[in-house]
Amino acid sequence: MITTFEQLGLAPMFIERLQVRGFKTPTVIQERVIPILLSGGDCIFQSATGTGKTFAYLIPLLQNLLEHVLEQPESKRLGPALVVCSPTYELCAQIKKETDFLLEGSPFKTALLMGGANISRQIEHLKKEKPLIVIGNIGRINQLSRMGKLSLKAIRYLVLDEADRLVADDLFEETREFATLLPQARQTVACSATIGEKARQRLSGFVQASVLDITVEDREVLQKNIEHWALFAEGRKKIATLRSFIAATNPKKALVFFNINGQIGNVVSQLQFHKIAAAGLFGDMDKQNRKKALDDFRSGRVRILVTSDLAARGLDIQDINQVIALDVPDSTDAYAHRAGRTGRSGKHGIMVTIGDEIELQRLSRLEKKLSIVIYPKVLYKGQVLAPAPLVDHESKQI
C-alpha cells in the first residue's frame, strides 16, 4: 500500500514543495498515474475535480524533464521541451502558477501563451527568456509556430488538460493540426474530470499504442463530499431567490452559474445593489478584468462570483462552500464540472440548483444518471428548510 510520495519515486525537491502545500499523502489518481508517467508511458486519465490531477501529471513530467535537461548542455536546446494545453485562460494561468511554484529556485523558465493577449510581448518573452515550458491555448501556440516565433521541434512532453473539451467538435481540427507540429517521439498525457467514448476515440490518435487508460470513479466525490439541493423559482424570480438564499446561508464563498452571458452583469448588479459583494466572469471580458474578478474572489474581497460555464472546468479555488446554478445543464458532465468546484480535497460542499418546473424535471433526470440524491428545499422566514410533507386529507381519520 502506497502512503507517501517517496514511495512513488518523486524527487526530494518536489516532495518538499508538496509539503509546503501541506500534501503528505497521494490521492488515488496520483498513486496510479505518477509511476506510469515517471516510467515514460503515455496516459489518458479521468478523475473527479479536486482529486489532484494537475500535480498527478505535472510533477512526474517535470521530474522527467529536469533529468533530461541535465543530460545535455544548454547550447543544444532547440526550444521548449514541455507544452501544456488547456481551453481557458483561467486554467492555463493556474497551471503556470503551479509550475512556477514547483520549479521555485530553479533556473528554468515558463511562458503563458494565450490568444487575446499582446502577441508582440509574448514573442519578446520567448526570445528573451527561452522558456523550457510553455502553457497556453492551442490557437495561440499554433499561430506563434506558423510565424516562426515558437519552435516545437524539441517538445518531448505534451499535456492536454480538459482533454475532452480540446477534442470537442469545435476544437478538434485545431488540436489535430497542433499535434502534427510536434515530434512523434514524445510522451503524451490527456486528462479531464469527464471523458466520453467519442473523446477517448479521438484522443487515441494523439497517444502511443501502449497508452494506459485510467478512470478513477468520481461518484464518491459527488455523493459523499457534496450535498445536492433544489429550489423552485419561476424565471423572473430567480435572482430574488438567489439573494434570499445567500442571506439565509451566508456562504463564505459561492460560485453562481448562469449560462446566459448577457444576464451575468444583471445578476451582479442586483446583488451589488443589495450590498452583496459580487463580481462577474464571462467569455467576452478582457483578460485583465477576468483576472481581477478571479483575484478578488480568491482573496475574499468578493464572496460571490457569477459566471458562465467558463469557470466550471479545472479551476481550483479554495474554500468555495457553495455552488449555485440558475439553470440546469443538458449533460451529466456539465453538472459534474459545476458541482466539482466545491467539495474539493475531501471538504464538504453544497450544490444548489434554482430552477423552474421544466428545469427541475431535467435535473431529476440528471440525478438518476449520476446516482446522486438531490433534496428539495424551500426558503421560509430566512431559513432553508425541507418542504412540509403532503397530507392526504381524504384518507386522514377524524
Protein backbone atom coordinates (compact mmCIF):
# COMPACT_ATOMS: atom_id res chain seq x y z
CA MET A 1 0.00 0.00 0.00
CA ILE A 2 1.37 3.41 -1.02
CA THR A 3 1.03 6.05 1.68
CA THR A 4 3.77 8.58 0.84
CA PHE A 5 5.09 10.45 -2.18
CA GLU A 6 8.54 8.97 -1.50
CA GLN A 7 7.14 5.54 -2.34
CA LEU A 8 6.04 6.85 -5.73
CA GLY A 9 9.63 7.75 -6.60
CA LEU A 10 9.32 11.53 -6.58
CA ALA A 11 12.49 13.60 -6.23
CA PRO A 12 13.12 15.30 -2.86
CA MET A 13 12.71 18.79 -4.38
CA PHE A 14 9.12 18.02 -5.39
CA ILE A 15 8.28 16.27 -2.12
CA GLU A 16 9.48 19.38 -0.32
CA ARG A 17 7.22 21.60 -2.47
CA LEU A 18 4.26 19.33 -1.75
CA GLN A 19 4.95 19.59 1.96
CA VAL A 20 4.87 23.39 1.68
CA ARG A 21 1.29 22.98 0.44
CA GLY A 22 0.51 20.52 3.20
CA PHE A 23 0.24 17.47 0.92
CA LYS A 24 1.63 14.38 2.62
CA THR A 25 -0.37 11.53 1.10
CA PRO A 26 -1.03 10.98 -2.62
CA THR A 27 -4.59 10.85 -3.86
CA VAL A 28 -5.82 7.73 -5.64
CA ILE A 29 -5.31 9.23 -9.10
CA GLN A 30 -1.81 10.44 -8.17
CA GLU A 31 -0.96 7.00 -6.83
CA ARG A 32 -1.95 5.40 -10.13
CA VAL A 33 -0.72 7.98 -12.65
CA ILE A 34 2.62 9.19 -11.25
CA PRO A 35 4.50 5.84 -11.62
CA ILE A 36 3.27 5.45 -15.22
CA LEU A 37 4.49 8.90 -16.20
CA LEU A 38 7.81 8.55 -14.36
CA SER A 39 8.43 5.40 -16.41
CA GLY A 40 7.85 7.34 -19.63
CA GLY A 41 4.46 5.90 -20.54
CA ASP A 42 1.57 7.73 -22.20
CA CYS A 43 -1.66 8.06 -20.25
CA ILE A 44 -5.28 9.11 -20.66
CA PHE A 45 -6.85 9.54 -17.25
CA GLN A 46 -10.16 10.64 -15.82
CA SER A 47 -10.78 11.66 -12.23
CA ALA A 48 -13.19 13.92 -10.40
CA THR A 49 -12.48 17.58 -9.89
CA GLY A 50 -10.48 18.32 -6.76
CA THR A 51 -8.60 14.99 -6.78
CA GLY A 52 -5.18 16.38 -7.68
CA LYS A 53 -5.00 15.81 -11.46
CA THR A 54 -2.66 18.76 -12.12
CA PHE A 55 0.07 17.53 -9.78
CA ALA A 56 -0.56 13.95 -10.98
CA TYR A 57 0.80 14.83 -14.40
CA LEU A 58 2.87 17.95 -13.72
CA ILE A 59 5.31 16.63 -11.12
CA PRO A 60 6.39 13.40 -12.88
CA LEU A 61 6.73 15.18 -16.25
CA LEU A 62 8.80 17.95 -14.67
CA GLN A 63 10.96 15.32 -12.98
CA ASN A 64 11.48 13.53 -16.31
CA LEU A 65 12.18 16.86 -17.99
CA LEU A 66 14.77 18.00 -15.48
CA GLU A 67 16.60 14.69 -15.67
CA HIS A 68 16.69 15.01 -19.47
CA VAL A 69 17.84 18.65 -19.39
CA LEU A 70 20.71 17.89 -17.03
CA GLU A 71 21.99 15.36 -19.57
CA GLN A 72 22.51 17.95 -22.32
CA PRO A 73 24.27 21.34 -22.47
CA GLU A 74 22.15 24.47 -22.76
CA SER A 75 23.67 25.24 -26.16
CA LYS A 76 21.94 22.18 -27.64
CA ARG A 77 18.43 23.13 -26.52
CA LEU A 78 16.29 23.87 -29.56
CA GLY A 79 13.25 25.26 -27.75
CA PRO A 80 10.66 24.29 -25.15
CA ALA A 81 10.51 20.64 -24.14
CA LEU A 82 7.14 20.56 -22.34
CA VAL A 83 3.88 22.03 -23.60
CA VAL A 84 0.65 22.06 -21.58
CA CYS A 85 -2.55 22.97 -23.42
CA SER A 86 -5.92 23.87 -21.93
CA PRO A 87 -9.02 25.61 -23.31
CA THR A 88 -9.32 28.65 -21.00
CA TYR A 89 -7.09 31.50 -19.87
CA GLU A 90 -8.02 30.93 -16.23
CA LEU A 91 -6.95 27.30 -16.19
CA CYS A 92 -3.75 27.96 -18.15
CA ALA A 93 -2.81 30.74 -15.71
CA GLN A 94 -3.47 28.38 -12.81
CA ILE A 95 -1.28 25.65 -14.33
CA LYS A 96 1.52 28.14 -14.91
CA LYS A 97 1.29 29.29 -11.30
CA GLU A 98 1.58 25.69 -10.08
CA THR A 99 4.50 25.04 -12.44
CA ASP A 100 6.36 28.12 -11.21
CA PHE A 101 5.68 27.02 -7.63
CA LEU A 102 7.13 23.55 -8.25
CA LEU A 103 10.20 24.98 -10.01
CA GLU A 104 10.85 27.72 -7.46
CA GLY A 105 14.57 28.18 -7.01
CA SER A 106 15.45 26.54 -10.34
CA PRO A 107 16.74 28.45 -13.39
CA PHE A 108 14.07 27.08 -15.71
CA LYS A 109 11.50 29.47 -17.20
CA THR A 110 7.86 29.12 -18.21
CA ALA A 111 5.74 31.07 -20.68
CA LEU A 112 1.98 31.65 -20.77
CA LEU A 113 0.75 31.87 -24.37
CA MET A 114 -2.90 32.83 -24.71
CA GLY A 115 -4.98 34.27 -27.50
CA GLY A 116 -6.32 37.74 -26.72
CA ALA A 117 -3.06 38.77 -25.06
CA ASN A 118 -0.44 41.01 -26.69
CA ILE A 119 1.35 38.72 -29.14
CA SER A 120 4.34 41.08 -29.52
CA ARG A 121 5.03 40.83 -25.79
CA GLN A 122 4.75 37.05 -25.96
CA ILE A 123 7.24 36.95 -28.84
CA GLU A 124 9.63 39.17 -26.90
CA HIS A 125 9.27 36.97 -23.81
CA LEU A 126 10.01 33.83 -25.84
CA LYS A 127 13.09 35.46 -27.36
CA LYS A 128 14.44 36.83 -24.08
CA GLU A 129 13.61 34.06 -21.59
CA LYS A 130 13.92 30.96 -23.82
CA PRO A 131 11.38 29.07 -21.69
CA LEU A 132 11.71 25.34 -21.23
CA ILE A 133 7.94 25.01 -20.60
CA VAL A 134 5.06 26.65 -22.45
CA ILE A 135 1.47 26.66 -21.24
CA GLY A 136 -1.40 28.03 -23.27
CA ASN A 137 -4.28 27.58 -25.65
CA ILE A 138 -3.69 25.69 -28.86
CA GLY A 139 -4.81 28.53 -31.15
CA ARG A 140 -2.11 30.93 -29.97
CA ILE A 141 0.59 28.22 -29.88
CA ASN A 142 -0.27 27.26 -33.48
CA GLN A 143 -0.15 30.93 -34.50
CA LEU A 144 3.28 31.53 -32.95
CA SER A 145 4.60 28.34 -34.52
CA ARG A 146 3.36 29.32 -38.01
CA MET A 147 5.00 32.74 -37.57
CA GLY A 148 8.32 31.05 -36.81
CA LYS A 149 8.45 32.58 -33.33
CA LEU A 150 8.00 29.33 -31.39
CA SER A 151 9.81 26.12 -32.23
CA LEU A 152 8.03 22.92 -31.27
CA LYS A 153 10.74 20.62 -32.64
CA ALA A 154 12.18 19.86 -29.21
CA ILE A 155 8.90 19.03 -27.47
CA ARG A 156 9.30 15.79 -25.53
CA TYR A 157 6.22 16.06 -23.30
CA LEU A 158 2.65 17.06 -24.19
CA VAL A 159 -0.29 17.55 -21.84
CA LEU A 160 -3.90 18.05 -22.96
CA ASP A 161 -5.71 19.26 -19.83
CA GLU A 162 -9.52 19.27 -20.07
CA ALA A 163 -8.83 16.97 -23.00
CA ASP A 164 -12.48 16.22 -23.76
CA ARG A 165 -13.03 19.91 -24.47
CA LEU A 166 -9.91 20.11 -26.66
CA VAL A 167 -11.23 17.34 -28.92
CA ALA A 168 -14.84 18.54 -28.99
CA ASP A 169 -16.22 19.22 -32.46
CA ASP A 170 -15.40 22.94 -32.48
CA LEU A 171 -11.75 22.48 -31.42
CA PHE A 172 -10.82 19.07 -32.79
CA GLU A 173 -9.34 20.20 -36.13
CA GLU A 174 -7.25 22.86 -34.38
CA THR A 175 -5.95 20.29 -31.88
CA ARG A 176 -5.19 17.81 -34.65
CA GLU A 177 -3.26 20.48 -36.60
CA PHE A 178 -1.29 21.28 -33.45
CA ALA A 179 -0.34 17.62 -32.96
CA THR A 180 1.16 17.48 -36.47
CA LEU A 181 3.63 20.22 -35.47
CA LEU A 182 5.08 18.10 -32.64
CA PRO A 183 7.68 15.31 -32.81
CA GLN A 184 6.11 11.87 -32.90
CA ALA A 185 8.61 10.65 -30.31
CA ARG A 186 7.09 12.28 -27.26
CA GLN A 187 5.29 11.43 -24.02
CA THR A 188 1.63 12.43 -24.08
CA VAL A 189 -0.87 12.85 -21.26
CA ALA A 190 -4.57 13.66 -21.62
CA CYS A 191 -6.87 14.19 -18.67
CA SER A 192 -10.22 15.58 -17.56
CA ALA A 193 -12.94 15.01 -15.00
CA THR A 194 -15.17 13.70 -17.80
CA ILE A 195 -14.05 11.83 -20.92
CA GLY A 196 -16.78 10.26 -23.04
CA GLU A 197 -16.30 7.46 -25.55
CA LYS A 198 -16.15 9.83 -28.54
CA ALA A 199 -13.45 11.90 -26.83
CA ARG A 200 -11.48 8.77 -25.95
CA GLN A 201 -11.53 7.61 -29.56
CA ARG A 202 -10.29 10.98 -30.78
CA LEU A 203 -7.59 11.17 -28.10
CA SER A 204 -6.29 7.74 -29.11
CA GLY A 205 -4.87 9.40 -32.22
CA PHE A 206 -2.52 11.53 -30.11
CA VAL A 207 -1.01 8.86 -27.87
CA GLN A 208 1.14 5.73 -28.20
CA ALA A 209 -0.47 2.39 -28.88
CA SER A 210 0.65 1.27 -25.42
CA VAL A 211 -1.26 4.08 -23.69
CA LEU A 212 -2.78 3.31 -20.30
CA ASP A 213 -6.37 4.46 -19.85
CA ILE A 214 -7.25 5.10 -16.21
CA THR A 215 -10.58 6.10 -14.73
CA VAL A 216 -11.00 6.72 -11.02
CA GLU A 217 -14.68 6.57 -10.11
CA ASP A 218 -15.90 10.05 -9.26
CA ARG A 219 -19.30 9.23 -7.84
CA GLU A 220 -17.91 9.10 -4.31
CA VAL A 221 -16.95 12.78 -4.56
CA LEU A 222 -20.38 13.75 -5.89
CA GLN A 223 -22.19 11.51 -3.41
CA LYS A 224 -20.21 11.90 -0.19
CA ASN A 225 -18.47 15.29 -0.30
CA ILE A 226 -21.28 17.33 -1.85
CA GLU A 227 -24.90 17.83 -0.79
CA HIS A 228 -27.26 18.46 -3.68
CA TRP A 229 -30.26 20.75 -3.21
CA ALA A 230 -33.01 22.08 -5.49
CA LEU A 231 -35.07 25.24 -5.08
CA PHE A 232 -38.09 26.06 -7.23
CA ALA A 233 -38.33 29.55 -8.69
CA GLU A 234 -40.03 30.96 -11.75
CA GLY A 235 -37.64 32.55 -14.22
CA ARG A 236 -38.42 36.15 -13.26
CA LYS A 237 -37.94 35.37 -9.56
CA LYS A 238 -34.63 33.53 -9.78
CA ILE A 239 -32.41 36.47 -8.85
CA ALA A 240 -34.62 37.36 -5.87
CA THR A 241 -34.49 33.71 -4.78
CA LEU A 242 -30.71 33.76 -5.16
CA ARG A 243 -30.47 36.84 -2.92
CA SER A 244 -32.73 35.25 -0.31
CA PHE A 245 -30.71 32.04 -0.38
CA ILE A 246 -27.43 33.92 0.09
CA ALA A 247 -28.93 35.86 3.00
CA ALA A 248 -30.21 32.64 4.60
CA THR A 249 -26.99 30.63 4.27
CA ASN A 250 -24.30 33.36 4.39
CA PRO A 251 -21.70 31.42 2.34
CA LYS A 252 -18.01 32.16 2.77
CA LYS A 253 -17.58 31.84 -0.99
CA ALA A 254 -20.22 30.92 -3.55
CA LEU A 255 -19.84 30.36 -7.28
CA VAL A 256 -23.02 31.14 -9.24
CA PHE A 257 -23.52 29.66 -12.71
CA PHE A 258 -25.79 31.23 -15.30
CA ASN A 259 -25.15 30.26 -18.90
CA ILE A 260 -26.53 33.44 -20.46
CA ASN A 261 -23.61 35.85 -20.77
CA GLY A 262 -25.87 38.86 -21.24
CA GLN A 263 -27.56 38.23 -17.89
CA ILE A 264 -24.44 37.83 -15.75
CA GLY A 265 -23.94 41.58 -15.44
CA ASN A 266 -27.60 41.98 -14.45
CA VAL A 267 -27.25 39.37 -11.69
CA VAL A 268 -24.07 41.02 -10.39
CA SER A 269 -25.66 44.48 -10.43
CA GLN A 270 -28.69 43.33 -8.45
CA LEU A 271 -26.51 41.57 -5.86
CA GLN A 272 -24.30 44.64 -5.50
CA PHE A 273 -27.37 46.90 -5.19
CA HIS A 274 -28.38 44.82 -2.16
CA LYS A 275 -24.89 45.19 -0.62
CA ILE A 276 -23.68 41.71 -1.54
CA ALA A 277 -20.01 41.71 -2.61
CA ALA A 278 -20.16 40.11 -6.06
CA ALA A 279 -18.24 40.05 -9.33
CA GLY A 280 -18.85 38.60 -12.78
CA LEU A 281 -16.76 36.40 -15.05
CA PHE A 282 -17.70 35.63 -18.65
CA GLY A 283 -16.10 34.96 -22.00
CA ASP A 284 -16.40 38.44 -23.53
CA MET A 285 -14.42 40.11 -20.75
CA ASP A 286 -10.86 41.15 -21.48
CA LYS A 287 -8.03 39.28 -19.80
CA GLN A 288 -7.30 41.94 -17.16
CA ASN A 289 -10.90 42.15 -15.95
CA ARG A 290 -11.19 38.36 -15.89
CA LYS A 291 -8.01 38.15 -13.82
CA LYS A 292 -9.23 40.86 -11.43
CA ALA A 293 -12.58 39.11 -10.91
CA LEU A 294 -10.82 35.83 -10.06
CA ASP A 295 -8.21 37.50 -7.84
CA ASP A 296 -10.93 39.34 -5.91
CA PHE A 297 -12.83 36.10 -5.45
CA ARG A 298 -9.79 34.09 -4.39
CA SER A 299 -8.74 36.75 -1.87
CA GLY A 300 -12.23 37.14 -0.41
CA ARG A 301 -12.68 40.76 -1.50
CA VAL A 302 -15.84 39.47 -3.15
CA ARG A 303 -17.56 36.35 -1.91
CA ILE A 304 -19.94 35.74 -4.81
CA LEU A 305 -18.63 35.11 -8.34
CA VAL A 306 -21.25 34.91 -11.09
CA THR A 307 -20.07 33.13 -14.22
CA SER A 308 -20.95 31.10 -17.26
CA ASP A 309 -19.52 27.60 -17.62
CA LEU A 310 -16.24 29.34 -18.46
CA ALA A 311 -15.18 28.75 -14.85
CA ALA A 312 -16.60 25.25 -14.50
CA ARG A 313 -13.56 23.44 -15.80
CA GLY A 314 -10.40 22.83 -13.86
CA LEU A 315 -10.20 25.90 -11.66
CA ASP A 316 -9.07 25.20 -8.11
CA ILE A 317 -10.34 27.99 -5.86
CA GLN A 318 -10.07 27.29 -2.16
CA ASP A 319 -12.97 27.46 0.29
CA ILE A 320 -15.91 27.53 -2.14
CA ASN A 321 -18.56 26.06 0.11
CA GLN A 322 -21.48 26.59 -2.26
CA VAL A 323 -22.09 26.27 -5.98
CA ILE A 324 -25.40 27.76 -7.11
CA ALA A 325 -26.82 27.15 -10.59
CA LEU A 326 -29.51 29.40 -12.06
CA ASP A 327 -30.08 26.98 -14.92
CA VAL A 328 -29.80 23.24 -15.49
CA PRO A 329 -27.24 21.86 -17.94
CA ASP A 330 -28.15 19.27 -20.56
CA SER A 331 -25.46 16.75 -19.63
CA THR A 332 -24.19 14.91 -16.57
CA ASP A 333 -20.66 16.03 -17.48
CA ALA A 334 -21.61 19.70 -17.25
CA TYR A 335 -23.36 19.18 -13.90
CA ALA A 336 -20.34 17.27 -12.54
CA HIS A 337 -17.93 20.02 -13.63
CA ARG A 338 -20.07 22.67 -11.93
CA ALA A 339 -20.56 20.70 -8.73
CA GLY A 340 -16.85 19.89 -8.66
CA ARG A 341 -15.95 23.50 -7.84
CA THR A 342 -16.93 22.68 -4.25
CA GLY A 343 -16.31 19.65 -2.03
CA ARG A 344 -12.65 19.65 -3.10
CA SER A 345 -9.81 17.79 -1.37
CA GLY A 346 -12.22 15.95 0.91
CA LYS A 347 -14.05 19.06 2.14
CA HIS A 348 -17.82 19.37 2.35
CA GLY A 349 -19.78 21.48 -0.12
CA ILE A 350 -23.31 22.22 -1.32
CA MET A 351 -24.52 22.24 -4.92
CA VAL A 352 -27.78 24.20 -5.23
CA THR A 353 -29.93 24.42 -8.35
CA ILE A 354 -32.55 27.16 -8.63
CA GLY A 355 -34.91 26.24 -11.46
CA ASP A 356 -38.42 26.39 -12.82
CA GLU A 357 -40.69 23.38 -13.28
CA ILE A 358 -39.22 22.28 -16.62
CA GLU A 359 -35.63 22.72 -15.44
CA LEU A 360 -36.22 20.74 -12.26
CA GLN A 361 -37.65 17.90 -14.34
CA ARG A 362 -34.40 17.88 -16.33
CA LEU A 363 -32.47 17.98 -13.06
CA SER A 364 -34.36 14.90 -11.90
CA ARG A 365 -33.15 13.00 -14.97
CA LEU A 366 -29.54 14.05 -14.25
CA GLU A 367 -30.00 12.90 -10.65
CA LYS A 368 -30.80 9.37 -11.81
CA LYS A 369 -27.95 9.22 -14.32
CA LEU A 370 -25.42 10.41 -11.72
CA SER A 371 -26.78 8.16 -8.93
CA ILE A 372 -26.97 11.09 -6.53
CA VAL A 373 -29.76 12.33 -4.27
CA ILE A 374 -30.98 15.90 -4.79
CA TYR A 375 -33.01 17.17 -1.86
CA PRO A 376 -35.83 19.67 -2.46
CA LYS A 377 -35.60 22.78 -0.28
CA VAL A 378 -37.77 25.83 0.42
CA LEU A 379 -36.98 29.28 1.79
CA TYR A 380 -39.14 30.18 4.77
CA LYS A 381 -38.64 33.12 7.13
CA GLY A 382 -34.96 33.44 6.31
CA GLN A 383 -34.19 29.75 6.60
CA VAL A 384 -33.58 26.91 4.15
CA LEU A 385 -35.91 24.07 5.07
CA ALA A 386 -37.13 20.76 3.73
CA PRO A 387 -40.63 21.15 2.29
CA ALA A 388 -43.51 20.15 4.55
CA PRO A 389 -44.83 16.65 3.74
CA LEU A 390 -48.05 16.50 1.76
CA VAL A 391 -51.09 15.41 3.76
CA ASP A 392 -53.68 13.14 2.16
CA HIS A 393 -56.84 14.74 3.63
CA GLU A 394 -59.20 12.14 2.14
CA SER A 395 -57.56 9.27 3.98
CA LYS A 396 -56.94 11.21 7.17
CA GLN A 397 -59.08 9.81 10.02
CA ILE A 398 -61.18 12.16 12.14
